[in-house]
Amino acid sequence: MAGEMAGDGSIVYFYNSDTPDTDFKGLTGEESFYFNDKGELVIAFNEYDVAPGYMGAVDFTIPSSVSGIPTD
């Protein structure tokens, strides 16, 4: 999240925000997830879960180097 926000000023996530009640603290286990066509883990968030409504529903692809899930 921090990397995306640093790279593009139009991207905003509730990460280290000035509003503690909406600040993203981490995964809760209630998030949706799936594996894309490359076998990578994708974590999907509903609209407003981790970003303002104008960003819509957002998802993050987790590289296998981080997830530990082999993609072969």
C-alpha atoms as a PDB file:
ATOM      1  CA  MET A   1       0.000   0.000   0.000  1.00  0.00           C
ATOM      2  CA  ALA A   2       2.700   2.459   0.981  1.00  0.00           C
ATOM      3  CA  GLY A   3       4.637   1.779  -2.219  1.00  0.00           C
ATOM      4  CA  GLU A   4       1.608   2.365  -4.424  1.00  0.00           C
ATOM      5  CA  MET A   5       0.746   5.599  -2.624  1.00  0.00           C
ATOM      6  CA  ALA A   6       4.339   6.838  -2.947  1.00  0.00           C
ATOM      7  CA  GLY A   7       4.357   6.093  -6.667  1.00  0.00           C
ATOM      8  CA  ASP A   8       1.002   7.668  -7.546  1.00  0.00           C
ATOM      9  CA  GLY A   9      -0.507  10.671  -5.754  1.00  0.00           C
ATOM     10  CA  SER A  10      -4.030   9.724  -6.832  1.00  0.00           C
ATOM     11  CA  ILE A  11      -3.914   6.441  -4.882  1.00  0.00           C
ATOM     12  CA  VAL A  12      -5.031   6.621  -1.258  1.00  0.00           C
ATOM     13  CA  TYR A  13      -5.307   3.752   1.208  1.00  0.00           C
ATOM     14  CA  PHE A  14      -6.287   3.767   4.870  1.00  0.00           C
ATOM     15  CA  TYR A  15      -2.706   3.004   5.840  1.00  0.00           C
ATOM     16  CA  ASN A  16      -0.956   5.158   8.434  1.00  0.00           C
ATOM     17  CA  SER A  17      -3.822   7.607   7.990  1.00  0.00           C
ATOM     18  CA  ASP A  18      -4.752  10.555  10.157  1.00  0.00           C
ATOM     19  CA  THR A  19      -8.047   8.846  11.017  1.00  0.00           C
ATOM     20  CA  PRO A  20      -7.312   5.997  13.445  1.00  0.00           C
ATOM     21  CA  ASP A  21     -10.803   4.460  13.258  1.00  0.00           C
ATOM     22  CA  THR A  22     -10.403   3.729   9.527  1.00  0.00           C
ATOM     23  CA  ASP A  23      -6.664   2.969   9.564  1.00  0.00           C
ATOM     24  CA  PHE A  24      -5.810  -0.435   8.062  1.00  0.00           C
ATOM     25  CA  LYS A  25      -4.039  -2.451  10.761  1.00  0.00           C
ATOM     26  CA  GLY A  26      -3.556  -5.746   8.950  1.00  0.00           C
ATOM     27  CA  LEU A  27      -5.347  -8.825   7.731  1.00  0.00           C
ATOM     28  CA  THR A  28      -8.157 -10.127   9.898  1.00  0.00           C
ATOM     29  CA  GLY A  29      -8.815 -13.451   8.176  1.00  0.00           C
ATOM     30  CA  GLU A  30     -12.183 -12.221   6.913  1.00  0.00           C
ATOM     31  CA  GLU A  31     -10.809 -11.002   3.568  1.00  0.00           C
ATOM     32  CA  SER A  32     -11.669 -12.688   0.295  1.00  0.00           C
ATOM     33  CA  PHE A  33      -8.884 -14.256  -1.697  1.00  0.00           C
ATOM     34  CA  TYR A  34      -8.289 -16.245  -4.851  1.00  0.00           C
ATOM     35  CA  PHE A  35      -5.470 -17.509  -7.004  1.00  0.00           C
ATOM     36  CA  ASN A  36      -4.988 -15.820 -10.371  1.00  0.00           C
ATOM     37  CA  ASP A  37      -4.120 -17.588 -13.616  1.00  0.00           C
ATOM     38  CA  LYS A  38      -0.430 -17.472 -12.672  1.00  0.00           C
ATOM     39  CA  GLY A  39      -1.102 -19.245  -9.373  1.00  0.00           C
ATOM     40  CA  GLU A  40      -0.402 -16.112  -7.334  1.00  0.00           C
ATOM     41  CA  LEU A  41      -2.406 -15.301  -4.222  1.00  0.00           C
ATOM     42  CA  VAL A  42      -4.691 -12.274  -4.629  1.00  0.00           C
ATOM     43  CA  ILE A  43      -6.286 -10.674  -1.569  1.00  0.00           C
ATOM     44  CA  ALA A  44      -9.469  -8.760  -2.362  1.00  0.00           C
ATOM     45  CA  PHE A  45     -11.029  -6.031  -0.244  1.00  0.00           C
ATOM     46  CA  ASN A  46     -14.542  -4.644  -0.477  1.00  0.00           C
ATOM     47  CA  GLU A  47     -15.149  -1.008  -1.285  1.00  0.00           C
ATOM     48  CA  TYR A  48     -14.355   1.194   1.760  1.00  0.00           C
ATOM     49  CA  ASP A  49     -12.449  -1.575   3.607  1.00  0.00           C
ATOM     50  CA  VAL A  50      -8.968  -0.215   2.957  1.00  0.00           C
ATOM     51  CA  ALA A  51      -9.526   2.790   0.669  1.00  0.00           C
ATOM     52  CA  PRO A  52     -11.977   5.618  -0.002  1.00  0.00           C
ATOM     53  CA  GLY A  53     -15.036   4.775  -2.082  1.00  0.00           C
ATOM     54  CA  TYR A  54     -13.718   6.417  -5.248  1.00  0.00           C
ATOM     55  CA  MET A  55     -11.011   3.708  -5.394  1.00  0.00           C
ATOM     56  CA  GLY A  56     -13.703   1.004  -5.579  1.00  0.00           C
ATOM     57  CA  ALA A  57     -12.966  -2.551  -4.485  1.00  0.00           C
ATOM     58  CA  VAL A  58      -9.212  -3.117  -4.446  1.00  0.00           C
ATOM     59  CA  ASP A  59      -7.059  -6.202  -4.565  1.00  0.00           C
ATOM     60  CA  PHE A  60      -3.408  -6.964  -4.069  1.00  0.00           C
ATOM     61  CA  THR A  61      -1.415  -9.670  -5.798  1.00  0.00           C
ATOM     62  CA  ILE A  62       1.035 -11.242  -3.376  1.00  0.00           C
ATOM     63  CA  PRO A  63       4.226 -12.473  -5.069  1.00  0.00           C
ATOM     64  CA  SER A  64       5.148 -16.097  -4.390  1.00  0.00           C
ATOM     65  CA  SER A  65       8.397 -14.852  -2.846  1.00  0.00           C
ATOM     66  CA  VAL A  66       6.277 -13.298  -0.101  1.00  0.00           C
ATOM     67  CA  SER A  67       3.424 -15.813   0.164  1.00  0.00           C
ATOM     68  CA  GLY A  68       5.685 -18.866   0.005  1.00  0.00           C
ATOM     69  CA  ILE A  69       3.189 -20.490  -2.356  1.00  0.00           C
ATOM     70  CA  PRO A  70       4.997 -22.041  -5.330  1.00  0.00           C
ATOM     71  CA  THR A  71       3.570 -21.018  -8.703  1.00  0.00           C
ATOM     72  CA  ASP A  72       5.044 -23.915 -10.709  1.00  0.00           C
END
